[in-house]
Amino acid sequence: MSWLGSARRSVRDFRADARARAGYEVYRFQLGLDPTDWKPMTSIGDGVCEIRVRLGREYRLLYVARFPEAIYVLHAFEKKTRKTSRADLEVARLRYRQMIFQRTRQGR
């Protein structure tokens, strides 16, 4: 698991029940199972998916798991409006591009 930018700190700032649920969903994925509520986010990048945690409030975890060396968590946030904010999408896009650039520099 590789946490990019402030993603790990953002998950730690989730309410305790949301943090536990997000951890459970990531654990399911690590076992080879699909998260219980997710969708692809191809507008951010190839292979990017969103785990959706709905506990009265909405929490999101954007990740990439198409590379053998790690699951890359790009961004985590509490969703406060119906539509995902442009700023949250841009954070994830930027981290995705940085991750691809870094992997290319390392010869992966």
PDB file of N, CA and C in Angstrom:
ATOM      1  N   MET A   1       0.852  -1.170   0.000  1.00  0.00           N
ATOM      2  CA  MET A   1       0.000   0.000   0.000  1.00  0.00           C
ATOM      3  C   MET A   1       0.892   1.225   0.000  1.00  0.00           C
ATOM      4  N   SER A   2       0.658   2.118  -0.938  1.00  0.00           N
ATOM      5  CA  SER A   2       1.430   3.346  -1.021  1.00  0.00           C
ATOM      6  C   SER A   2       0.467   4.541  -0.976  1.00  0.00           C
ATOM      7  N   TRP A   3       0.632   5.367   0.037  1.00  0.00           N
ATOM      8  CA  TRP A   3      -0.236   6.528   0.252  1.00  0.00           C
ATOM      9  C   TRP A   3       0.432   7.744  -0.355  1.00  0.00           C
ATOM     10  N   LEU A   4      -0.250   8.431  -1.250  1.00  0.00           N
ATOM     11  CA  LEU A   4       0.322   9.591  -1.911  1.00  0.00           C
ATOM     12  C   LEU A   4      -0.190  10.883  -1.273  1.00  0.00           C
ATOM     13  N   GLY A   5       0.698  11.866  -1.204  1.00  0.00           N
ATOM     14  CA  GLY A   5       0.318  13.158  -0.648  1.00  0.00           C
ATOM     15  C   GLY A   5      -0.216  13.030   0.766  1.00  0.00           C
ATOM     16  N   SER A   6      -1.335  13.655   1.015  1.00  0.00           N
ATOM     17  CA  SER A   6      -1.944  13.667   2.349  1.00  0.00           C
ATOM     18  C   SER A   6      -3.034  12.619   2.519  1.00  0.00           C
ATOM     19  N   ALA A   7      -3.103  11.635   1.617  1.00  0.00           N
ATOM     20  CA  ALA A   7      -4.200  10.654   1.641  1.00  0.00           C
ATOM     21  C   ALA A   7      -4.287   9.906   2.979  1.00  0.00           C
ATOM     22  N   ARG A   8      -3.172   9.477   3.508  1.00  0.00           N
ATOM     23  CA  ARG A   8      -3.203   8.729   4.777  1.00  0.00           C
ATOM     24  C   ARG A   8      -3.699   9.614   5.926  1.00  0.00           C
ATOM     25  N   ARG A   9      -3.209  10.829   5.981  1.00  0.00           N
ATOM     26  CA  ARG A   9      -3.648  11.764   7.008  1.00  0.00           C
ATOM     27  C   ARG A   9      -5.139  12.060   6.865  1.00  0.00           C
ATOM     28  N   SER A  10      -5.616  12.171   5.634  1.00  0.00           N
ATOM     29  CA  SER A  10      -7.040  12.435   5.398  1.00  0.00           C
ATOM     30  C   SER A  10      -7.908  11.295   5.910  1.00  0.00           C
ATOM     31  N   VAL A  11      -7.487  10.050   5.686  1.00  0.00           N
ATOM     32  CA  VAL A  11      -8.251   8.907   6.200  1.00  0.00           C
ATOM     33  C   VAL A  11      -8.226   8.914   7.723  1.00  0.00           C
ATOM     34  N   ARG A  12      -7.093   9.236   8.306  1.00  0.00           N
ATOM     35  CA  ARG A  12      -7.014   9.318   9.774  1.00  0.00           C
ATOM     36  C   ARG A  12      -7.947  10.379  10.335  1.00  0.00           C
ATOM     37  N   ASP A  13      -8.274  11.391   9.537  1.00  0.00           N
ATOM     38  CA  ASP A  13      -9.187  12.450   9.968  1.00  0.00           C
ATOM     39  C   ASP A  13     -10.662  12.085   9.777  1.00  0.00           C
ATOM     40  N   PHE A  14     -10.946  10.967   9.098  1.00  0.00           N
ATOM     41  CA  PHE A  14     -12.336  10.523   8.962  1.00  0.00           C
ATOM     42  C   PHE A  14     -12.897  10.226  10.351  1.00  0.00           C
ATOM     43  N   ARG A  15     -14.214  10.290  10.490  1.00  0.00           N
ATOM     44  CA  ARG A  15     -14.866   9.809  11.715  1.00  0.00           C
ATOM     45  C   ARG A  15     -14.443   8.369  11.938  1.00  0.00           C
ATOM     46  N   ALA A  16     -14.417   7.916  13.161  1.00  0.00           N
ATOM     47  CA  ALA A  16     -13.921   6.566  13.496  1.00  0.00           C
ATOM     48  C   ALA A  16     -14.645   5.481  12.714  1.00  0.00           C
ATOM     49  N   ASP A  17     -15.976   5.550  12.601  1.00  0.00           N
ATOM     50  CA  ASP A  17     -16.704   4.508  11.877  1.00  0.00           C
ATOM     51  C   ASP A  17     -16.394   4.525  10.384  1.00  0.00           C
ATOM     52  N   ALA A  18     -16.198   5.707   9.816  1.00  0.00           N
ATOM     53  CA  ALA A  18     -15.848   5.812   8.396  1.00  0.00           C
ATOM     54  C   ALA A  18     -14.428   5.304   8.148  1.00  0.00           C
ATOM     55  N   ARG A  19     -13.524   5.625   9.062  1.00  0.00           N
ATOM     56  CA  ARG A  19     -12.134   5.147   8.961  1.00  0.00           C
ATOM     57  C   ARG A  19     -12.088   3.627   9.006  1.00  0.00           C
ATOM     58  N   ALA A  20     -12.857   3.035   9.924  1.00  0.00           N
ATOM     59  CA  ALA A  20     -12.899   1.566  10.035  1.00  0.00           C
ATOM     60  C   ALA A  20     -13.488   0.955   8.773  1.00  0.00           C
ATOM     61  N   ARG A  21     -14.541   1.554   8.239  1.00  0.00           N
ATOM     62  CA  ARG A  21     -15.174   1.018   7.035  1.00  0.00           C
ATOM     63  C   ARG A  21     -14.245   1.116   5.827  1.00  0.00           C
ATOM     64  N   ALA A  22     -13.555   2.253   5.691  1.00  0.00           N
ATOM     65  CA  ALA A  22     -12.600   2.417   4.592  1.00  0.00           C
ATOM     66  C   ALA A  22     -11.492   1.368   4.695  1.00  0.00           C
ATOM     67  N   GLY A  23     -11.001   1.135   5.909  1.00  0.00           N
ATOM     68  CA  GLY A  23      -9.975   0.112   6.114  1.00  0.00           C
ATOM     69  C   GLY A  23     -10.468  -1.270   5.749  1.00  0.00           C
ATOM     70  N   TYR A  24     -11.708  -1.565   6.097  1.00  0.00           N
ATOM     71  CA  TYR A  24     -12.304  -2.860   5.751  1.00  0.00           C
ATOM     72  C   TYR A  24     -12.401  -3.021   4.234  1.00  0.00           C
ATOM     73  N   GLU A  25     -12.806  -1.963   3.550  1.00  0.00           N
ATOM     74  CA  GLU A  25     -12.948  -2.032   2.088  1.00  0.00           C
ATOM     75  C   GLU A  25     -11.595  -2.242   1.416  1.00  0.00           C
ATOM     76  N   VAL A  26     -10.560  -1.585   1.903  1.00  0.00           N
ATOM     77  CA  VAL A  26      -9.209  -1.788   1.362  1.00  0.00           C
ATOM     78  C   VAL A  26      -8.754  -3.215   1.647  1.00  0.00           C
ATOM     79  N   TYR A  27      -9.028  -3.703   2.831  1.00  0.00           N
ATOM     80  CA  TYR A  27      -8.682  -5.077   3.198  1.00  0.00           C
ATOM     81  C   TYR A  27      -9.352  -6.074   2.250  1.00  0.00           C
ATOM     82  N   ARG A  28     -10.648  -5.875   1.967  1.00  0.00           N
ATOM     83  CA  ARG A  28     -11.353  -6.749   1.013  1.00  0.00           C
ATOM     84  C   ARG A  28     -10.619  -6.769  -0.323  1.00  0.00           C
ATOM     85  N   PHE A  29     -10.210  -5.583  -0.762  1.00  0.00           N
ATOM     86  CA  PHE A  29      -9.528  -5.497  -2.044  1.00  0.00           C
ATOM     87  C   PHE A  29      -8.199  -6.245  -2.013  1.00  0.00           C
ATOM     88  N   GLN A  30      -7.478  -6.126  -0.913  1.00  0.00           N
ATOM     89  CA  GLN A  30      -6.204  -6.828  -0.786  1.00  0.00           C
ATOM     90  C   GLN A  30      -6.390  -8.342  -0.800  1.00  0.00           C
ATOM     91  N   LEU A  31      -7.563  -8.807  -0.386  1.00  0.00           N
ATOM     92  CA  LEU A  31      -7.861 -10.245  -0.425  1.00  0.00           C
ATOM     93  C   LEU A  31      -8.295 -10.718  -1.808  1.00  0.00           C
ATOM     94  N   GLY A  32      -8.407  -9.791  -2.755  1.00  0.00           N
ATOM     95  CA  GLY A  32      -8.823 -10.143  -4.104  1.00  0.00           C
ATOM     96  C   GLY A  32     -10.320  -9.990  -4.327  1.00  0.00           C
ATOM     97  N   LEU A  33     -11.022  -9.417  -3.370  1.00  0.00           N
ATOM     98  CA  LEU A  33     -12.460  -9.189  -3.487  1.00  0.00           C
ATOM     99  C   LEU A  33     -12.716  -7.744  -3.894  1.00  0.00           C
ATOM    100  N   ASP A  34     -13.863  -7.499  -4.506  1.00  0.00           N
ATOM    101  CA  ASP A  34     -14.243  -6.123  -4.803  1.00  0.00           C
ATOM    102  C   ASP A  34     -14.711  -5.434  -3.531  1.00  0.00           C
ATOM    103  N   PRO A  35     -14.446  -4.147  -3.401  1.00  0.00           N
ATOM    104  CA  PRO A  35     -15.066  -3.406  -2.305  1.00  0.00           C
ATOM    105  C   PRO A  35     -16.587  -3.502  -2.455  1.00  0.00           C
ATOM    106  N   THR A  36     -17.323  -3.315  -1.369  1.00  0.00           N
ATOM    107  CA  THR A  36     -18.778  -3.471  -1.442  1.00  0.00           C
ATOM    108  C   THR A  36     -19.449  -2.332  -2.190  1.00  0.00           C
ATOM    109  N   ASP A  37     -18.857  -1.148  -2.232  1.00  0.00           N
ATOM    110  CA  ASP A  37     -19.432  -0.009  -2.948  1.00  0.00           C
ATOM    111  C   ASP A  37     -18.293   0.756  -3.603  1.00  0.00           C
ATOM    112  N   TRP A  38     -18.195   0.646  -4.928  1.00  0.00           N
ATOM    113  CA  TRP A  38     -17.089   1.268  -5.645  1.00  0.00           C
ATOM    114  C   TRP A  38     -17.512   1.581  -7.064  1.00  0.00           C
ATOM    115  N   LYS A  39     -16.721   2.387  -7.728  1.00  0.00           N
ATOM    116  CA  LYS A  39     -16.936   2.631  -9.154  1.00  0.00           C
ATOM    117  C   LYS A  39     -15.617   3.047  -9.786  1.00  0.00           C
ATOM    118  N   PRO A  40     -15.459   2.783 -11.076  1.00  0.00           N
ATOM    119  CA  PRO A  40     -14.250   3.236 -11.769  1.00  0.00           C
ATOM    120  C   PRO A  40     -14.283   4.750 -11.942  1.00  0.00           C
ATOM    121  N   MET A  41     -13.114   5.345 -11.926  1.00  0.00           N
ATOM    122  CA  MET A  41     -12.983   6.797 -12.099  1.00  0.00           C
ATOM    123  C   MET A  41     -12.006   7.065 -13.249  1.00  0.00           C
ATOM    124  N   THR A  42     -12.385   6.639 -14.440  1.00  0.00           N
ATOM    125  CA  THR A  42     -11.508   6.760 -15.603  1.00  0.00           C
ATOM    126  C   THR A  42     -11.221   8.210 -15.978  1.00  0.00           C
ATOM    127  N   SER A  43     -12.041   9.151 -15.502  1.00  0.00           N
ATOM    128  CA  SER A  43     -11.773  10.565 -15.791  1.00  0.00           C
ATOM    129  C   SER A  43     -10.505  11.040 -15.080  1.00  0.00           C
ATOM    130  N   ILE A  44     -10.079  10.317 -14.058  1.00  0.00           N
ATOM    131  CA  ILE A  44      -8.851  10.673 -13.333  1.00  0.00           C
ATOM    132  C   ILE A  44      -7.643  10.005 -13.973  1.00  0.00           C
ATOM    133  N   GLY A  45      -7.797   8.726 -14.336  1.00  0.00           N
ATOM    134  CA  GLY A  45      -6.698   8.010 -14.953  1.00  0.00           C
ATOM    135  C   GLY A  45      -7.049   6.549 -15.144  1.00  0.00           C
ATOM    136  N   ASP A  46      -6.264   5.866 -15.950  1.00  0.00           N
ATOM    137  CA  ASP A  46      -6.486   4.455 -16.256  1.00  0.00           C
ATOM    138  C   ASP A  46      -6.328   3.611 -14.991  1.00  0.00           C
ATOM    139  N   GLY A  47      -7.349   2.858 -14.645  1.00  0.00           N
ATOM    140  CA  GLY A  47      -7.283   1.963 -13.494  1.00  0.00           C
ATOM    141  C   GLY A  47      -7.656   2.595 -12.171  1.00  0.00           C
ATOM    142  N   VAL A  48      -8.046   3.869 -12.160  1.00  0.00           N
ATOM    143  CA  VAL A  48      -8.422   4.536 -10.910  1.00  0.00           C
ATOM    144  C   VAL A  48      -9.841   4.140 -10.530  1.00  0.00           C
ATOM    145  N   CYS A  49     -10.022   3.810  -9.251  1.00  0.00           N
ATOM    146  CA  CYS A  49     -11.333   3.443  -8.717  1.00  0.00           C
ATOM    147  C   CYS A  49     -11.615   4.257  -7.459  1.00  0.00           C
ATOM    148  N   GLU A  50     -12.887   4.328  -7.127  1.00  0.00           N
ATOM    149  CA  GLU A  50     -13.330   5.069  -5.958  1.00  0.00           C
ATOM    150  C   GLU A  50     -14.076   4.132  -5.023  1.00  0.00           C
ATOM    151  N   ILE A  51     -13.637   4.052  -3.787  1.00  0.00           N
ATOM    152  CA  ILE A  51     -14.385   3.346  -2.745  1.00  0.00           C
ATOM    153  C   ILE A  51     -15.314   4.368  -2.117  1.00  0.00           C
ATOM    154  N   ARG A  52     -16.583   4.001  -2.023  1.00  0.00           N
ATOM    155  CA  ARG A  52     -17.579   4.906  -1.459  1.00  0.00           C
ATOM    156  C   ARG A  52     -18.020   4.383  -0.096  1.00  0.00           C
ATOM    157  N   VAL A  53     -17.865   5.214   0.912  1.00  0.00           N
ATOM    158  CA  VAL A  53     -18.287   4.881   2.275  1.00  0.00           C
ATOM    159  C   VAL A  53     -19.457   5.808   2.602  1.00  0.00           C
ATOM    160  N   ARG A  54     -20.609   5.205   2.866  1.00  0.00           N
ATOM    161  CA  ARG A  54     -21.826   5.978   3.127  1.00  0.00           C
ATOM    162  C   ARG A  54     -22.315   5.679   4.536  1.00  0.00           C
ATOM    163  N   LEU A  55     -22.122   6.639   5.417  1.00  0.00           N
ATOM    164  CA  LEU A  55     -22.526   6.472   6.816  1.00  0.00           C
ATOM    165  C   LEU A  55     -23.244   7.738   7.297  1.00  0.00           C
ATOM    166  N   GLY A  56     -24.260   8.131   6.569  1.00  0.00           N
ATOM    167  CA  GLY A  56     -24.898   9.408   6.847  1.00  0.00           C
ATOM    168  C   GLY A  56     -24.150  10.503   6.123  1.00  0.00           C
ATOM    169  N   ARG A  57     -22.861  10.555   6.303  1.00  0.00           N
ATOM    170  CA  ARG A  57     -21.959  11.398   5.526  1.00  0.00           C
ATOM    171  C   ARG A  57     -21.305  10.519   4.468  1.00  0.00           C
ATOM    172  N   GLU A  58     -20.774  11.161   3.462  1.00  0.00           N
ATOM    173  CA  GLU A  58     -20.130  10.441   2.357  1.00  0.00           C
ATOM    174  C   GLU A  58     -18.616  10.615   2.441  1.00  0.00           C
ATOM    175  N   TYR A  59     -17.898   9.500   2.334  1.00  0.00           N
ATOM    176  CA  TYR A  59     -16.436   9.518   2.330  1.00  0.00           C
ATOM    177  C   TYR A  59     -15.959   8.784   1.087  1.00  0.00           C
ATOM    178  N   ARG A  60     -14.847   9.234   0.548  1.00  0.00           N
ATOM    179  CA  ARG A  60     -14.312   8.639  -0.671  1.00  0.00           C
ATOM    180  C   ARG A  60     -12.827   8.350  -0.525  1.00  0.00           C
ATOM    181  N   LEU A  61     -12.404   7.268  -1.176  1.00  0.00           N
ATOM    182  CA  LEU A  61     -11.007   6.874  -1.224  1.00  0.00           C
ATOM    183  C   LEU A  61     -10.710   6.548  -2.686  1.00  0.00           C
ATOM    184  N   LEU A  62      -9.835   7.295  -3.328  1.00  0.00           N
ATOM    185  CA  LEU A  62      -9.486   7.080  -4.728  1.00  0.00           C
ATOM    186  C   LEU A  62      -8.143   6.363  -4.795  1.00  0.00           C
ATOM    187  N   TYR A  63      -8.106   5.279  -5.555  1.00  0.00           N
ATOM    188  CA  TYR A  63      -6.902   4.451  -5.580  1.00  0.00           C
ATOM    189  C   TYR A  63      -6.665   3.846  -6.956  1.00  0.00           C
ATOM    190  N   VAL A  64      -5.445   3.351  -7.154  1.00  0.00           N
ATOM    191  CA  VAL A  64      -5.061   2.621  -8.363  1.00  0.00           C
ATOM    192  C   VAL A  64      -4.473   1.297  -7.903  1.00  0.00           C
ATOM    193  N   ALA A  65      -4.957   0.218  -8.492  1.00  0.00           N
ATOM    194  CA  ALA A  65      -4.447  -1.101  -8.100  1.00  0.00           C
ATOM    195  C   ALA A  65      -4.088  -1.945  -9.313  1.00  0.00           C
ATOM    196  N   ARG A  66      -3.618  -1.323 -10.345  1.00  0.00           N
ATOM    197  CA  ARG A  66      -3.286  -2.085 -11.552  1.00  0.00           C
ATOM    198  C   ARG A  66      -1.810  -2.425 -11.679  1.00  0.00           C
ATOM    199  N   PHE A  67      -1.017  -2.039 -10.689  1.00  0.00           N
ATOM    200  CA  PHE A  67       0.412  -2.300 -10.727  1.00  0.00           C
ATOM    201  C   PHE A  67       0.775  -3.361  -9.702  1.00  0.00           C
ATOM    202  N   PRO A  68       1.708  -4.257 -10.031  1.00  0.00           N
ATOM    203  CA  PRO A  68       1.995  -5.379  -9.130  1.00  0.00           C
ATOM    204  C   PRO A  68       2.669  -4.988  -7.820  1.00  0.00           C
ATOM    205  N   GLU A  69       3.371  -3.860  -7.802  1.00  0.00           N
ATOM    206  CA  GLU A  69       4.145  -3.529  -6.603  1.00  0.00           C
ATOM    207  C   GLU A  69       3.328  -2.913  -5.482  1.00  0.00           C
ATOM    208  N   ALA A  70       2.178  -2.314  -5.781  1.00  0.00           N
ATOM    209  CA  ALA A  70       1.451  -1.636  -4.704  1.00  0.00           C
ATOM    210  C   ALA A  70       0.055  -1.214  -5.139  1.00  0.00           C
ATOM    211  N   ILE A  71      -0.781  -0.978  -4.148  1.00  0.00           N
ATOM    212  CA  ILE A  71      -2.027  -0.244  -4.330  1.00  0.00           C
ATOM    213  C   ILE A  71      -1.679   1.193  -3.978  1.00  0.00           C
ATOM    214  N   TYR A  72      -1.932   2.095  -4.890  1.00  0.00           N
ATOM    215  CA  TYR A  72      -1.629   3.509  -4.672  1.00  0.00           C
ATOM    216  C   TYR A  72      -2.904   4.244  -4.277  1.00  0.00           C
ATOM    217  N   VAL A  73      -2.937   4.794  -3.075  1.00  0.00           N
ATOM    218  CA  VAL A  73      -4.074   5.597  -2.634  1.00  0.00           C
ATOM    219  C   VAL A  73      -3.768   7.039  -3.015  1.00  0.00           C
ATOM    220  N   LEU A  74      -4.552   7.560  -3.953  1.00  0.00           N
ATOM    221  CA  LEU A  74      -4.307   8.885  -4.495  1.00  0.00           C
ATOM    222  C   LEU A  74      -4.874   9.999  -3.620  1.00  0.00           C
ATOM    223  N   HIS A  75      -6.090   9.784  -3.114  1.00  0.00           N
ATOM    224  CA  HIS A  75      -6.769  10.873  -2.408  1.00  0.00           C
ATOM    225  C   HIS A  75      -7.884  10.284  -1.556  1.00  0.00           C
ATOM    226  N   ALA A  76      -8.139  10.901  -0.424  1.00  0.00           N
ATOM    227  CA  ALA A  76      -9.243  10.515   0.458  1.00  0.00           C
ATOM    228  C   ALA A  76      -9.877  11.809   0.958  1.00  0.00           C
ATOM    229  N   PHE A  77     -11.206  11.816   1.005  1.00  0.00           N
ATOM    230  CA  PHE A  77     -11.885  13.048   1.405  1.00  0.00           C
ATOM    231  C   PHE A  77     -13.318  12.758   1.825  1.00  0.00           C
ATOM    232  N   GLU A  78     -13.871  13.705   2.572  1.00  0.00           N
ATOM    233  CA  GLU A  78     -15.286  13.667   2.901  1.00  0.00           C
ATOM    234  C   GLU A  78     -16.007  14.447   1.822  1.00  0.00           C
ATOM    235  N   LYS A  79     -16.992  13.812   1.223  1.00  0.00           N
ATOM    236  CA  LYS A  79     -17.755  14.447   0.152  1.00  0.00           C
ATOM    237  C   LYS A  79     -18.891  15.238   0.775  1.00  0.00           C
ATOM    238  N   LYS A  80     -18.938  16.535   0.498  1.00  0.00           N
ATOM    239  CA  LYS A  80     -19.908  17.399   1.162  1.00  0.00           C
ATOM    240  C   LYS A  80     -21.026  17.876   0.245  1.00  0.00           C
ATOM    241  N   THR A  81     -20.906  17.601  -1.044  1.00  0.00           N
ATOM    242  CA  THR A  81     -21.948  17.966  -1.992  1.00  0.00           C
ATOM    243  C   THR A  81     -22.311  16.750  -2.828  1.00  0.00           C
ATOM    244  N   ARG A  82     -23.381  16.861  -3.564  1.00  0.00           N
ATOM    245  CA  ARG A  82     -23.833  15.734  -4.391  1.00  0.00           C
ATOM    246  C   ARG A  82     -22.787  15.337  -5.432  1.00  0.00           C
ATOM    247  N   LYS A  83     -22.190  16.345  -6.043  1.00  0.00           N
ATOM    248  CA  LYS A  83     -21.188  16.113  -7.076  1.00  0.00           C
ATOM    249  C   LYS A  83     -19.793  16.250  -6.463  1.00  0.00           C
ATOM    250  N   THR A  84     -18.874  15.373  -6.851  1.00  0.00           N
ATOM    251  CA  THR A  84     -17.494  15.464  -6.365  1.00  0.00           C
ATOM    252  C   THR A  84     -16.892  16.786  -6.824  1.00  0.00           C
ATOM    253  N   SER A  85     -16.263  17.489  -5.910  1.00  0.00           N
ATOM    254  CA  SER A  85     -15.736  18.816  -6.240  1.00  0.00           C
ATOM    255  C   SER A  85     -14.607  18.721  -7.265  1.00  0.00           C
ATOM    256  N   ARG A  86     -14.509  19.769  -8.055  1.00  0.00           N
ATOM    257  CA  ARG A  86     -13.449  19.854  -9.059  1.00  0.00           C
ATOM    258  C   ARG A  86     -12.079  19.803  -8.379  1.00  0.00           C
ATOM    259  N   ALA A  87     -11.969  20.443  -7.214  1.00  0.00           N
ATOM    260  CA  ALA A  87     -10.686  20.456  -6.494  1.00  0.00           C
ATOM    261  C   ALA A  87     -10.260  19.044  -6.098  1.00  0.00           C
ATOM    262  N   ASP A  88     -11.185  18.221  -5.585  1.00  0.00           N
ATOM    263  CA  ASP A  88     -10.841  16.841  -5.215  1.00  0.00           C
ATOM    264  C   ASP A  88     -10.440  16.025  -6.436  1.00  0.00           C
ATOM    265  N   LEU A  89     -11.126  16.222  -7.548  1.00  0.00           N
ATOM    266  CA  LEU A  89     -10.767  15.514  -8.783  1.00  0.00           C
ATOM    267  C   LEU A  89      -9.383  15.938  -9.271  1.00  0.00           C
ATOM    268  N   GLU A  90      -9.077  17.221  -9.170  1.00  0.00           N
ATOM    269  CA  GLU A  90      -7.776  17.717  -9.610  1.00  0.00           C
ATOM    270  C   GLU A  90      -6.640  17.202  -8.731  1.00  0.00           C
ATOM    271  N   VAL A  91      -6.871  17.115  -7.423  1.00  0.00           N
ATOM    272  CA  VAL A  91      -5.856  16.549  -6.518  1.00  0.00           C
ATOM    273  C   VAL A  91      -5.538  15.116  -6.948  1.00  0.00           C
ATOM    274  N   ALA A  92      -6.566  14.332  -7.200  1.00  0.00           N
ATOM    275  CA  ALA A  92      -6.366  12.935  -7.601  1.00  0.00           C
ATOM    276  C   ALA A  92      -5.667  12.842  -8.953  1.00  0.00           C
ATOM    277  N   ARG A  93      -6.044  13.682  -9.905  1.00  0.00           N
ATOM    278  CA  ARG A  93      -5.396  13.668 -11.225  1.00  0.00           C
ATOM    279  C   ARG A  93      -3.916  14.011 -11.119  1.00  0.00           C
ATOM    280  N   LEU A  94      -3.614  15.040 -10.335  1.00  0.00           N
ATOM    281  CA  LEU A  94      -2.220  15.442 -10.156  1.00  0.00           C
ATOM    282  C   LEU A  94      -1.401  14.314  -9.526  1.00  0.00           C
ATOM    283  N   ARG A  95      -1.909  13.700  -8.483  1.00  0.00           N
ATOM    284  CA  ARG A  95      -1.184  12.607  -7.820  1.00  0.00           C
ATOM    285  C   ARG A  95      -1.043  11.402  -8.744  1.00  0.00           C
ATOM    286  N   TYR A  96      -2.056  11.145  -9.568  1.00  0.00           N
ATOM    287  CA  TYR A  96      -1.967  10.049 -10.533  1.00  0.00           C
ATOM    288  C   TYR A  96      -0.828  10.321 -11.520  1.00  0.00           C
ATOM    289  N   ARG A  97      -0.788  11.535 -12.068  1.00  0.00           N
ATOM    290  CA  ARG A  97       0.278  11.879 -13.025  1.00  0.00           C
ATOM    291  C   ARG A  97       1.652  11.795 -12.360  1.00  0.00           C
ATOM    292  N   GLN A  98       1.773  12.261 -11.118  1.00  0.00           N
ATOM    293  CA  GLN A  98       3.046  12.187 -10.394  1.00  0.00           C
ATOM    294  C   GLN A  98       3.460  10.742 -10.164  1.00  0.00           C
ATOM    295  N   MET A  99       2.501   9.891  -9.824  1.00  0.00           N
ATOM    296  CA  MET A  99       2.798   8.472  -9.589  1.00  0.00           C
ATOM    297  C   MET A  99       3.268   7.805 -10.882  1.00  0.00           C
ATOM    298  N   ILE A 100       2.611   8.081 -11.999  1.00  0.00           N
ATOM    299  CA  ILE A 100       3.011   7.506 -13.294  1.00  0.00           C
ATOM    300  C   ILE A 100       4.413   7.999 -13.665  1.00  0.00           C
ATOM    301  N   PHE A 101       4.684   9.280 -13.476  1.00  0.00           N
ATOM    302  CA  PHE A 101       6.004   9.842 -13.772  1.00  0.00           C
ATOM    303  C   PHE A 101       7.076   9.162 -12.918  1.00  0.00           C
ATOM    304  N   GLN A 102       6.822   9.020 -11.628  1.00  0.00           N
ATOM    305  CA  GLN A 102       7.783   8.395 -10.710  1.00  0.00           C
ATOM    306  C   GLN A 102       8.055   6.937 -11.103  1.00  0.00           C
ATOM    307  N   ARG A 103       6.999   6.212 -11.437  1.00  0.00           N
ATOM    308  CA  ARG A 103       7.176   4.813 -11.847  1.00  0.00           C
ATOM    309  C   ARG A 103       8.011   4.726 -13.112  1.00  0.00           C
ATOM    310  N   THR A 104       7.790   5.655 -14.061  1.00  0.00           N
ATOM    311  CA  THR A 104       8.535   5.669 -15.317  1.00  0.00           C
ATOM    312  C   THR A 104      10.008   5.950 -15.042  1.00  0.00           C
ATOM    313  N   ARG A 105      10.289   6.900 -14.153  1.00  0.00           N
ATOM    314  CA  ARG A 105      11.673   7.212 -13.788  1.00  0.00           C
ATOM    315  C   ARG A 105      12.375   6.020 -13.153  1.00  0.00           C
ATOM    316  N   GLN A 106      11.622   5.183 -12.446  1.00  0.00           N
ATOM    317  CA  GLN A 106      12.192   4.014 -11.792  1.00  0.00           C
ATOM    318  C   GLN A 106      12.274   2.818 -12.723  1.00  0.00           C
ATOM    319  N   GLY A 107      11.845   2.981 -13.957  1.00  0.00           N
ATOM    320  CA  GLY A 107      11.929   1.916 -14.951  1.00  0.00           C
ATOM    321  C   GLY A 107      10.877   0.834 -14.800  1.00  0.00           C
ATOM    322  N   ARG A 108       9.742   1.165 -14.215  1.00  0.00           N
ATOM    323  CA  ARG A 108       8.660   0.177 -14.068  1.00  0.00           C
ATOM    324  C   ARG A 108       7.689   0.272 -15.196  1.00  0.00           C
TER     325      ARG A 108
END
